[in-house]
Amino acid sequence: MALYAMLSLDYAEKEPNRDDFYEYLKSNGWVKLNDVDTVWCKSHGYLSTDAERVEREIRAMMRAAVAEYKPYRIDFVAQIGNNLPFEAQFVKKGIEYEYTSK
């Protein structure tokens, strides 16, 4: 069973390195979730008992990122678990809202 990580972050500066930072995340196997700002997901081939290993990898990746891109600040949260995050939306249709799972 795979272990998944979801990462949500706020990159302090929008320019000039934000796009390069996003490319860095992609090159490290992270996939940006659609229609949600700065939320990324990655599948790890580890057991559920390896959550601390994933946490260490995220911390090391983020440390390397700040050294490379030198933002004033990056705030982030990560969720590690055995289930993929799900994506959904509510869209206003007339006076009602329609729920759509992606």
N, C-alpha and C. Protein backbone atom coordinates (compact mmCIF):
# COMPACT_ATOMS: atom_id res chain seq x y z
N MET A 1 0.85 -1.19 0.00
CA MET A 1 0.00 0.00 0.00
C MET A 1 0.89 1.24 0.00
N ALA A 2 0.52 2.20 -0.81
CA ALA A 2 1.30 3.43 -0.93
C ALA A 2 1.01 4.38 0.23
N LEU A 3 1.94 5.25 0.45
CA LEU A 3 1.79 6.31 1.43
C LEU A 3 1.78 7.62 0.65
N TYR A 4 0.76 8.45 0.88
CA TYR A 4 0.58 9.69 0.13
C TYR A 4 0.88 10.88 1.02
N ALA A 5 1.35 11.94 0.40
CA ALA A 5 1.57 13.19 1.12
C ALA A 5 0.89 14.31 0.36
N MET A 6 0.21 15.17 1.10
CA MET A 6 -0.38 16.37 0.52
C MET A 6 0.31 17.55 1.16
N LEU A 7 0.72 18.50 0.34
CA LEU A 7 1.48 19.66 0.79
C LEU A 7 0.77 20.92 0.33
N SER A 8 0.48 21.79 1.29
CA SER A 8 -0.10 23.09 0.97
C SER A 8 0.88 24.14 1.46
N LEU A 9 1.16 25.12 0.61
CA LEU A 9 2.19 26.09 1.00
C LEU A 9 1.86 27.48 0.51
N ASP A 10 2.46 28.45 1.17
CA ASP A 10 2.40 29.84 0.77
C ASP A 10 3.83 30.31 0.54
N TYR A 11 4.11 30.69 -0.68
CA TYR A 11 5.42 31.19 -1.07
C TYR A 11 5.35 32.70 -0.97
N ALA A 12 6.16 33.31 -0.12
CA ALA A 12 6.04 34.73 0.23
C ALA A 12 6.11 35.66 -0.97
N GLU A 13 7.03 35.44 -1.87
CA GLU A 13 7.16 36.32 -3.02
C GLU A 13 6.55 35.66 -4.25
N LYS A 14 5.85 36.43 -5.03
CA LYS A 14 5.28 35.89 -6.26
C LYS A 14 6.31 35.85 -7.39
N GLU A 15 7.25 36.72 -7.38
CA GLU A 15 8.26 36.78 -8.44
C GLU A 15 9.62 36.96 -7.79
N PRO A 16 10.69 36.63 -8.41
CA PRO A 16 10.77 36.00 -9.71
C PRO A 16 10.88 34.48 -9.63
N ASN A 17 11.05 33.93 -8.44
CA ASN A 17 11.41 32.51 -8.31
C ASN A 17 10.24 31.57 -8.07
N ARG A 18 9.04 32.07 -7.95
CA ARG A 18 7.90 31.21 -7.62
C ARG A 18 7.70 30.13 -8.69
N ASP A 19 7.71 30.51 -9.96
CA ASP A 19 7.53 29.52 -11.02
C ASP A 19 8.65 28.50 -11.03
N ASP A 20 9.88 28.96 -10.78
CA ASP A 20 11.01 28.03 -10.70
C ASP A 20 10.84 27.08 -9.52
N PHE A 21 10.33 27.59 -8.41
CA PHE A 21 10.08 26.75 -7.24
C PHE A 21 9.03 25.69 -7.57
N TYR A 22 7.98 26.07 -8.28
CA TYR A 22 6.96 25.09 -8.68
C TYR A 22 7.56 24.02 -9.59
N GLU A 23 8.45 24.41 -10.47
CA GLU A 23 9.13 23.42 -11.32
C GLU A 23 9.98 22.49 -10.46
N TYR A 24 10.59 23.03 -9.42
CA TYR A 24 11.37 22.22 -8.48
C TYR A 24 10.49 21.16 -7.83
N LEU A 25 9.29 21.56 -7.38
CA LEU A 25 8.37 20.59 -6.79
C LEU A 25 8.02 19.50 -7.80
N LYS A 26 7.69 19.89 -9.02
CA LYS A 26 7.36 18.91 -10.06
C LYS A 26 8.51 17.94 -10.29
N SER A 27 9.73 18.48 -10.32
CA SER A 27 10.89 17.62 -10.57
C SER A 27 11.15 16.66 -9.43
N ASN A 28 10.56 16.93 -8.26
CA ASN A 28 10.69 16.04 -7.11
C ASN A 28 9.47 15.13 -6.96
N GLY A 29 8.66 15.02 -8.02
CA GLY A 29 7.56 14.07 -8.02
C GLY A 29 6.23 14.59 -7.50
N TRP A 30 6.14 15.87 -7.20
CA TRP A 30 4.89 16.44 -6.68
C TRP A 30 4.00 16.86 -7.84
N VAL A 31 2.69 16.68 -7.67
CA VAL A 31 1.70 17.02 -8.68
C VAL A 31 0.79 18.08 -8.09
N LYS A 32 0.65 19.22 -8.78
CA LYS A 32 -0.23 20.29 -8.29
C LYS A 32 -1.67 19.88 -8.53
N LEU A 33 -2.49 19.98 -7.49
CA LEU A 33 -3.91 19.67 -7.64
C LEU A 33 -4.59 20.80 -8.39
N ASN A 34 -5.52 20.46 -9.23
CA ASN A 34 -6.20 21.44 -10.08
C ASN A 34 -7.13 22.33 -9.27
N ASP A 35 -7.26 23.56 -9.72
CA ASP A 35 -8.25 24.51 -9.21
C ASP A 35 -8.09 24.86 -7.73
N VAL A 36 -6.99 24.51 -7.13
CA VAL A 36 -6.72 24.86 -5.73
C VAL A 36 -5.32 25.47 -5.71
N ASP A 37 -5.21 26.65 -5.13
CA ASP A 37 -3.91 27.31 -5.10
C ASP A 37 -2.93 26.58 -4.19
N THR A 38 -1.77 26.35 -4.70
CA THR A 38 -0.61 25.85 -3.96
C THR A 38 -0.86 24.60 -3.12
N VAL A 39 -1.58 23.63 -3.68
CA VAL A 39 -1.75 22.33 -3.03
C VAL A 39 -1.17 21.27 -3.96
N TRP A 40 -0.28 20.47 -3.43
CA TRP A 40 0.45 19.47 -4.20
C TRP A 40 0.29 18.10 -3.55
N CYS A 41 0.44 17.04 -4.33
CA CYS A 41 0.31 15.68 -3.82
C CYS A 41 1.43 14.82 -4.39
N LYS A 42 1.86 13.84 -3.60
CA LYS A 42 2.90 12.92 -4.07
C LYS A 42 2.64 11.55 -3.47
N SER A 43 2.83 10.51 -4.28
CA SER A 43 2.71 9.13 -3.82
C SER A 43 4.10 8.60 -3.50
N HIS A 44 4.21 7.97 -2.34
CA HIS A 44 5.47 7.35 -1.93
C HIS A 44 5.24 5.84 -1.85
N GLY A 45 6.20 5.07 -2.22
CA GLY A 45 6.07 3.62 -2.18
C GLY A 45 6.41 3.02 -0.83
N TYR A 46 6.09 3.73 0.24
CA TYR A 46 6.45 3.28 1.58
C TYR A 46 5.25 2.70 2.30
N LEU A 47 5.51 2.00 3.36
CA LEU A 47 4.45 1.49 4.22
C LEU A 47 3.93 2.61 5.12
N SER A 48 2.76 2.41 5.68
CA SER A 48 2.16 3.43 6.54
C SER A 48 3.03 3.72 7.76
N THR A 49 3.89 2.79 8.12
CA THR A 49 4.76 3.01 9.27
C THR A 49 5.94 3.94 8.94
N ASP A 50 6.06 4.33 7.68
CA ASP A 50 7.18 5.18 7.26
C ASP A 50 6.80 6.65 7.15
N ALA A 51 5.77 7.08 7.86
CA ALA A 51 5.32 8.48 7.79
C ALA A 51 6.42 9.44 8.22
N GLU A 52 7.20 9.06 9.23
CA GLU A 52 8.29 9.93 9.67
C GLU A 52 9.35 10.08 8.58
N ARG A 53 9.55 9.03 7.80
CA ARG A 53 10.51 9.09 6.68
C ARG A 53 10.02 10.11 5.65
N VAL A 54 8.74 10.08 5.33
CA VAL A 54 8.18 11.05 4.38
C VAL A 54 8.31 12.46 4.94
N GLU A 55 8.04 12.63 6.22
CA GLU A 55 8.18 13.95 6.85
C GLU A 55 9.61 14.46 6.72
N ARG A 56 10.58 13.60 6.98
CA ARG A 56 12.00 13.99 6.85
C ARG A 56 12.32 14.38 5.40
N GLU A 57 11.78 13.62 4.45
CA GLU A 57 12.03 13.93 3.04
C GLU A 57 11.43 15.29 2.66
N ILE A 58 10.23 15.57 3.15
CA ILE A 58 9.60 16.86 2.86
C ILE A 58 10.43 17.98 3.48
N ARG A 59 10.85 17.80 4.73
CA ARG A 59 11.65 18.83 5.40
C ARG A 59 12.95 19.07 4.63
N ALA A 60 13.62 18.00 4.19
CA ALA A 60 14.88 18.14 3.44
C ALA A 60 14.64 18.83 2.09
N MET A 61 13.55 18.47 1.42
CA MET A 61 13.24 19.09 0.15
C MET A 61 12.97 20.58 0.32
N MET A 62 12.22 20.95 1.34
CA MET A 62 11.90 22.35 1.58
C MET A 62 13.15 23.14 2.00
N ARG A 63 14.02 22.51 2.78
CA ARG A 63 15.29 23.16 3.16
C ARG A 63 16.14 23.43 1.92
N ALA A 64 16.20 22.46 1.01
CA ALA A 64 16.95 22.65 -0.24
C ALA A 64 16.30 23.74 -1.09
N ALA A 65 14.98 23.80 -1.07
CA ALA A 65 14.26 24.80 -1.86
C ALA A 65 14.55 26.21 -1.36
N VAL A 66 14.54 26.43 -0.06
CA VAL A 66 14.80 27.78 0.44
C VAL A 66 16.25 28.18 0.19
N ALA A 67 17.16 27.21 0.23
CA ALA A 67 18.55 27.51 -0.08
C ALA A 67 18.71 27.91 -1.55
N GLU A 68 17.96 27.26 -2.41
CA GLU A 68 18.04 27.52 -3.85
C GLU A 68 17.31 28.79 -4.26
N TYR A 69 16.08 28.99 -3.77
CA TYR A 69 15.22 30.06 -4.27
C TYR A 69 15.18 31.29 -3.37
N LYS A 70 15.67 31.16 -2.16
CA LYS A 70 15.88 32.27 -1.23
C LYS A 70 14.67 33.18 -1.02
N PRO A 71 13.49 32.60 -0.76
CA PRO A 71 12.34 33.46 -0.46
C PRO A 71 12.50 34.04 0.94
N TYR A 72 11.79 35.10 1.19
CA TYR A 72 11.77 35.64 2.54
C TYR A 72 11.15 34.62 3.49
N ARG A 73 10.13 33.90 3.00
CA ARG A 73 9.42 32.97 3.87
C ARG A 73 8.60 31.99 3.03
N ILE A 74 8.53 30.74 3.47
CA ILE A 74 7.60 29.74 2.93
C ILE A 74 6.91 29.09 4.13
N ASP A 75 5.61 29.19 4.17
CA ASP A 75 4.82 28.48 5.18
C ASP A 75 4.20 27.27 4.50
N PHE A 76 4.18 26.13 5.19
CA PHE A 76 3.56 24.97 4.57
C PHE A 76 2.98 24.03 5.63
N VAL A 77 2.01 23.25 5.19
CA VAL A 77 1.46 22.17 6.00
C VAL A 77 1.48 20.93 5.13
N ALA A 78 1.67 19.78 5.76
CA ALA A 78 1.68 18.52 5.02
C ALA A 78 0.80 17.52 5.75
N GLN A 79 0.09 16.73 4.99
CA GLN A 79 -0.73 15.64 5.53
C GLN A 79 -0.21 14.35 4.91
N ILE A 80 0.09 13.37 5.73
CA ILE A 80 0.65 12.10 5.26
C ILE A 80 -0.32 10.99 5.66
N GLY A 81 -0.70 10.14 4.73
CA GLY A 81 -1.63 9.06 5.04
C GLY A 81 -1.73 8.05 3.92
N ASN A 82 -2.61 7.07 4.10
CA ASN A 82 -2.75 5.97 3.15
C ASN A 82 -3.77 6.23 2.05
N ASN A 83 -4.49 7.33 2.13
CA ASN A 83 -5.51 7.61 1.13
C ASN A 83 -5.15 8.85 0.32
N LEU A 84 -5.44 8.78 -0.97
CA LEU A 84 -5.26 9.95 -1.82
C LEU A 84 -6.23 11.04 -1.40
N PRO A 85 -5.84 12.30 -1.48
CA PRO A 85 -6.81 13.36 -1.24
C PRO A 85 -7.82 13.35 -2.39
N PHE A 86 -9.01 13.82 -2.11
CA PHE A 86 -9.98 13.92 -3.19
C PHE A 86 -10.19 15.38 -3.54
N GLU A 87 -10.51 15.62 -4.80
CA GLU A 87 -10.76 16.97 -5.29
C GLU A 87 -12.24 17.08 -5.63
N ALA A 88 -12.84 18.21 -5.27
CA ALA A 88 -14.25 18.44 -5.54
C ALA A 88 -14.50 19.93 -5.61
N GLN A 89 -15.69 20.28 -6.03
CA GLN A 89 -16.04 21.70 -6.09
C GLN A 89 -17.54 21.87 -5.93
N PHE A 90 -17.94 23.05 -5.50
CA PHE A 90 -19.32 23.49 -5.50
C PHE A 90 -19.40 24.66 -6.47
N VAL A 91 -20.32 24.58 -7.43
CA VAL A 91 -20.50 25.63 -8.42
C VAL A 91 -21.95 26.09 -8.35
N LYS A 92 -22.12 27.40 -8.29
CA LYS A 92 -23.47 27.95 -8.21
C LYS A 92 -24.17 27.78 -9.55
N LYS A 93 -25.34 27.15 -9.52
CA LYS A 93 -26.21 26.95 -10.69
C LYS A 93 -27.57 27.54 -10.34
N GLY A 94 -27.80 28.76 -10.79
CA GLY A 94 -29.03 29.45 -10.42
C GLY A 94 -28.95 29.86 -8.96
N ILE A 95 -29.87 29.37 -8.16
CA ILE A 95 -29.86 29.68 -6.72
C ILE A 95 -29.30 28.53 -5.89
N GLU A 96 -29.01 27.41 -6.53
CA GLU A 96 -28.47 26.23 -5.85
C GLU A 96 -26.99 26.07 -6.15
N TYR A 97 -26.33 25.23 -5.37
CA TYR A 97 -24.93 24.89 -5.62
C TYR A 97 -24.86 23.42 -6.01
N GLU A 98 -24.10 23.17 -7.06
CA GLU A 98 -23.91 21.80 -7.54
C GLU A 98 -22.56 21.30 -7.08
N TYR A 99 -22.56 20.10 -6.51
CA TYR A 99 -21.32 19.45 -6.05
C TYR A 99 -20.81 18.56 -7.18
N THR A 100 -19.51 18.67 -7.47
CA THR A 100 -18.88 17.84 -8.48
C THR A 100 -17.61 17.27 -7.89
N SER A 101 -17.49 15.95 -7.94
CA SER A 101 -16.24 15.29 -7.55
C SER A 101 -15.38 15.18 -8.79
N LYS A 102 -14.09 15.45 -8.64
CA LYS A 102 -13.19 15.41 -9.82
C LYS A 102 -12.45 14.10 -9.88
